[in-house]
Amino acid sequence: GVRIEHIFFKLDTVFKVGDMTRHYRDVTLFVQANPAFCCPSLITEAMADKIAKETGVPIVSVTYDGTGGIKNDAIVPYLAYPRRK
């Protein structure tokens, strides 16, 4: 289902995620660590719901914007209550 518009960043993401879920069956979470305003990360973040539906693996995006703070807390619920395949 990849269209011609899915070139460059999108295609790369689709292939990497597909490859990882095929070769590593125990993957239960993808964490996308992004610098703020990074175009490739914004594209991947927009695709996150569809990727999660296709693979059965949730995606958590963590954006590091240089302001500090506790950014990694978004991952804690997924670590505390992991999904089982």
N, C-alpha and C. Protein backbone atom coordinates (compact mmCIF):
# COMPACT_ATOMS: atom_id res chain seq x y z
N GLY A 1 0.80 -1.21 0.00
CA GLY A 1 0.00 0.00 0.00
C GLY A 1 0.84 1.26 0.00
N VAL A 2 2.10 1.17 -0.38
CA VAL A 2 2.94 2.36 -0.40
C VAL A 2 2.78 3.06 -1.74
N ARG A 3 2.41 4.33 -1.72
CA ARG A 3 2.24 5.11 -2.94
C ARG A 3 3.52 5.87 -3.27
N ILE A 4 3.55 6.45 -4.45
CA ILE A 4 4.72 7.20 -4.90
C ILE A 4 5.03 8.36 -3.95
N GLU A 5 4.01 8.88 -3.29
CA GLU A 5 4.22 9.98 -2.34
C GLU A 5 5.00 9.53 -1.10
N HIS A 6 5.12 8.22 -0.90
CA HIS A 6 5.78 7.69 0.28
C HIS A 6 7.29 7.52 0.09
N ILE A 7 7.89 8.42 -0.63
CA ILE A 7 9.32 8.31 -0.86
C ILE A 7 10.09 9.01 0.25
N PHE A 8 11.36 8.81 0.25
CA PHE A 8 12.30 9.40 1.19
C PHE A 8 11.99 8.99 2.62
N PHE A 9 11.58 9.93 3.47
CA PHE A 9 11.43 9.66 4.90
C PHE A 9 10.35 8.63 5.19
N LYS A 10 9.23 8.72 4.52
CA LYS A 10 8.12 7.80 4.78
C LYS A 10 8.50 6.37 4.43
N LEU A 11 9.04 6.20 3.25
CA LEU A 11 9.40 4.86 2.78
C LEU A 11 10.44 4.23 3.70
N ASP A 12 11.42 5.02 4.10
CA ASP A 12 12.45 4.54 5.01
C ASP A 12 11.85 4.05 6.32
N THR A 13 10.93 4.82 6.87
CA THR A 13 10.28 4.44 8.12
C THR A 13 9.45 3.18 7.96
N VAL A 14 8.67 3.11 6.89
CA VAL A 14 7.82 1.94 6.66
C VAL A 14 8.66 0.67 6.55
N PHE A 15 9.76 0.74 5.81
CA PHE A 15 10.61 -0.44 5.67
C PHE A 15 11.29 -0.83 6.97
N LYS A 16 11.79 0.13 7.72
CA LYS A 16 12.47 -0.17 8.99
C LYS A 16 11.52 -0.81 9.99
N VAL A 17 10.34 -0.23 10.14
CA VAL A 17 9.36 -0.77 11.09
C VAL A 17 8.93 -2.16 10.66
N GLY A 18 8.64 -2.34 9.39
CA GLY A 18 8.23 -3.65 8.89
C GLY A 18 9.31 -4.69 9.10
N ASP A 19 10.54 -4.34 8.82
CA ASP A 19 11.66 -5.26 9.00
C ASP A 19 11.84 -5.63 10.47
N MET A 20 11.76 -4.65 11.34
CA MET A 20 11.94 -4.93 12.78
C MET A 20 10.84 -5.83 13.32
N THR A 21 9.59 -5.59 12.92
CA THR A 21 8.51 -6.42 13.45
C THR A 21 8.53 -7.83 12.88
N ARG A 22 9.10 -8.01 11.69
CA ARG A 22 9.24 -9.36 11.12
C ARG A 22 10.37 -10.14 11.77
N HIS A 23 11.48 -9.49 12.03
CA HIS A 23 12.67 -10.18 12.54
C HIS A 23 12.75 -10.24 14.06
N TYR A 24 12.06 -9.35 14.74
CA TYR A 24 12.07 -9.32 16.20
C TYR A 24 10.63 -9.37 16.68
N ARG A 25 10.13 -10.58 16.82
CA ARG A 25 8.72 -10.79 17.17
C ARG A 25 8.33 -10.29 18.56
N ASP A 26 9.34 -10.07 19.42
CA ASP A 26 9.04 -9.66 20.79
C ASP A 26 9.02 -8.14 20.97
N VAL A 27 9.08 -7.37 19.88
CA VAL A 27 9.00 -5.91 19.98
C VAL A 27 7.60 -5.54 20.47
N THR A 28 7.54 -4.76 21.56
CA THR A 28 6.24 -4.36 22.11
C THR A 28 6.06 -2.85 22.15
N LEU A 29 7.08 -2.08 21.77
CA LEU A 29 6.98 -0.63 21.80
C LEU A 29 8.04 -0.01 20.89
N PHE A 30 7.63 0.99 20.14
CA PHE A 30 8.58 1.82 19.40
C PHE A 30 8.62 3.17 20.08
N VAL A 31 9.80 3.65 20.37
CA VAL A 31 9.97 4.99 20.93
C VAL A 31 10.66 5.83 19.87
N GLN A 32 10.00 6.89 19.49
CA GLN A 32 10.55 7.80 18.49
C GLN A 32 11.07 9.02 19.23
N ALA A 33 12.39 9.18 19.27
CA ALA A 33 13.02 10.32 19.93
C ALA A 33 13.34 11.36 18.86
N ASN A 34 12.81 12.56 19.03
CA ASN A 34 12.92 13.59 18.00
C ASN A 34 13.50 14.88 18.53
N PRO A 35 14.27 15.56 17.70
CA PRO A 35 14.58 16.96 18.01
C PRO A 35 13.36 17.80 17.60
N ALA A 36 13.15 18.91 18.27
CA ALA A 36 12.01 19.76 17.94
C ALA A 36 12.10 20.26 16.50
N PHE A 37 10.97 20.34 15.85
CA PHE A 37 10.82 20.88 14.49
C PHE A 37 11.58 20.09 13.43
N CYS A 38 11.82 18.83 13.67
CA CYS A 38 12.51 17.98 12.70
C CYS A 38 11.46 17.44 11.72
N CYS A 39 11.60 17.77 10.45
CA CYS A 39 10.61 17.38 9.45
C CYS A 39 10.41 15.87 9.36
N PRO A 40 11.49 15.07 9.26
CA PRO A 40 11.26 13.62 9.19
C PRO A 40 10.52 13.06 10.41
N SER A 41 10.81 13.60 11.58
CA SER A 41 10.13 13.09 12.77
C SER A 41 8.66 13.48 12.76
N LEU A 42 8.33 14.66 12.25
CA LEU A 42 6.93 15.07 12.17
C LEU A 42 6.16 14.17 11.19
N ILE A 43 6.79 13.79 10.11
CA ILE A 43 6.14 12.90 9.14
C ILE A 43 5.90 11.54 9.77
N THR A 44 6.90 11.01 10.46
CA THR A 44 6.75 9.71 11.12
C THR A 44 5.70 9.78 12.21
N GLU A 45 5.68 10.86 12.95
CA GLU A 45 4.67 11.02 14.01
C GLU A 45 3.27 11.05 13.42
N ALA A 46 3.11 11.65 12.26
CA ALA A 46 1.80 11.68 11.61
C ALA A 46 1.37 10.28 11.16
N MET A 47 2.32 9.42 10.90
CA MET A 47 2.03 8.05 10.45
C MET A 47 1.89 7.07 11.62
N ALA A 48 2.13 7.51 12.82
CA ALA A 48 2.23 6.62 13.98
C ALA A 48 0.98 5.76 14.18
N ASP A 49 -0.20 6.33 14.08
CA ASP A 49 -1.42 5.55 14.30
C ASP A 49 -1.57 4.43 13.28
N LYS A 50 -1.29 4.73 12.03
CA LYS A 50 -1.42 3.70 10.99
C LYS A 50 -0.36 2.62 11.17
N ILE A 51 0.87 3.01 11.52
CA ILE A 51 1.93 2.03 11.77
C ILE A 51 1.55 1.13 12.94
N ALA A 52 1.02 1.72 14.00
CA ALA A 52 0.62 0.94 15.18
C ALA A 52 -0.50 -0.04 14.83
N LYS A 53 -1.45 0.39 14.01
CA LYS A 53 -2.54 -0.51 13.60
C LYS A 53 -2.03 -1.66 12.75
N GLU A 54 -1.11 -1.37 11.85
CA GLU A 54 -0.57 -2.39 10.95
C GLU A 54 0.32 -3.40 11.68
N THR A 55 1.11 -2.93 12.63
CA THR A 55 2.08 -3.79 13.30
C THR A 55 1.60 -4.33 14.64
N GLY A 56 0.62 -3.68 15.25
CA GLY A 56 0.19 -4.06 16.59
C GLY A 56 1.13 -3.58 17.67
N VAL A 57 2.06 -2.70 17.30
CA VAL A 57 3.05 -2.17 18.24
C VAL A 57 2.82 -0.68 18.40
N PRO A 58 2.56 -0.20 19.63
CA PRO A 58 2.34 1.23 19.82
C PRO A 58 3.62 2.03 19.61
N ILE A 59 3.44 3.30 19.27
CA ILE A 59 4.57 4.21 19.07
C ILE A 59 4.40 5.39 20.01
N VAL A 60 5.43 5.71 20.76
CA VAL A 60 5.44 6.88 21.63
C VAL A 60 6.47 7.85 21.07
N SER A 61 6.04 9.07 20.82
CA SER A 61 6.96 10.10 20.34
C SER A 61 7.39 10.97 21.50
N VAL A 62 8.69 11.17 21.61
CA VAL A 62 9.25 12.03 22.63
C VAL A 62 10.04 13.12 21.90
N THR A 63 9.60 14.36 22.07
CA THR A 63 10.25 15.48 21.39
C THR A 63 11.12 16.22 22.38
N TYR A 64 12.38 16.32 22.04
CA TYR A 64 13.34 17.03 22.87
C TYR A 64 13.53 18.42 22.27
N ASP A 65 13.10 19.43 23.01
CA ASP A 65 13.11 20.79 22.49
C ASP A 65 14.18 21.68 23.11
N GLY A 66 15.04 21.12 23.92
CA GLY A 66 16.12 21.90 24.51
C GLY A 66 15.73 22.65 25.77
N THR A 67 14.50 22.51 26.22
CA THR A 67 14.07 23.23 27.41
C THR A 67 14.25 22.43 28.69
N GLY A 68 14.72 21.22 28.56
CA GLY A 68 14.85 20.37 29.75
C GLY A 68 13.51 19.75 30.07
N GLY A 69 13.29 19.54 31.33
CA GLY A 69 12.02 18.95 31.74
C GLY A 69 12.07 17.43 31.70
N ILE A 70 10.96 16.85 32.04
CA ILE A 70 10.88 15.39 32.15
C ILE A 70 10.15 14.88 30.91
N LYS A 71 10.87 14.69 29.84
CA LYS A 71 10.27 14.25 28.57
C LYS A 71 10.02 12.75 28.53
N ASN A 72 10.86 11.98 29.21
CA ASN A 72 10.77 10.52 29.13
C ASN A 72 9.60 9.92 29.89
N ASP A 73 8.89 10.73 30.67
CA ASP A 73 7.76 10.21 31.43
C ASP A 73 6.66 9.66 30.53
N ALA A 74 6.61 10.07 29.29
CA ALA A 74 5.59 9.56 28.37
C ALA A 74 5.74 8.06 28.13
N ILE A 75 6.92 7.53 28.36
CA ILE A 75 7.21 6.12 28.10
C ILE A 75 6.83 5.23 29.29
N VAL A 76 6.80 5.80 30.47
CA VAL A 76 6.62 5.03 31.71
C VAL A 76 5.39 4.12 31.70
N PRO A 77 4.20 4.59 31.30
CA PRO A 77 3.03 3.68 31.29
C PRO A 77 3.23 2.45 30.41
N TYR A 78 3.93 2.62 29.30
CA TYR A 78 4.16 1.50 28.39
C TYR A 78 5.15 0.49 28.97
N LEU A 79 6.07 0.98 29.79
CA LEU A 79 7.01 0.08 30.46
C LEU A 79 6.36 -0.60 31.65
N ALA A 80 5.52 0.12 32.37
CA ALA A 80 4.85 -0.43 33.55
C ALA A 80 3.77 -1.45 33.16
N TYR A 81 3.09 -1.21 32.04
CA TYR A 81 2.00 -2.07 31.60
C TYR A 81 2.21 -2.45 30.13
N PRO A 82 3.20 -3.27 29.85
CA PRO A 82 3.48 -3.61 28.43
C PRO A 82 2.37 -4.44 27.82
N ARG A 83 2.20 -4.27 26.51
CA ARG A 83 1.23 -5.10 25.77
C ARG A 83 1.85 -6.45 25.52
N ARG A 84 1.02 -7.43 25.48
CA ARG A 84 1.47 -8.79 25.16
C ARG A 84 0.92 -9.17 23.81
N LYS A 85 1.75 -9.74 22.98
CA LYS A 85 1.27 -10.20 21.66
C LYS A 85 0.73 -11.59 21.77
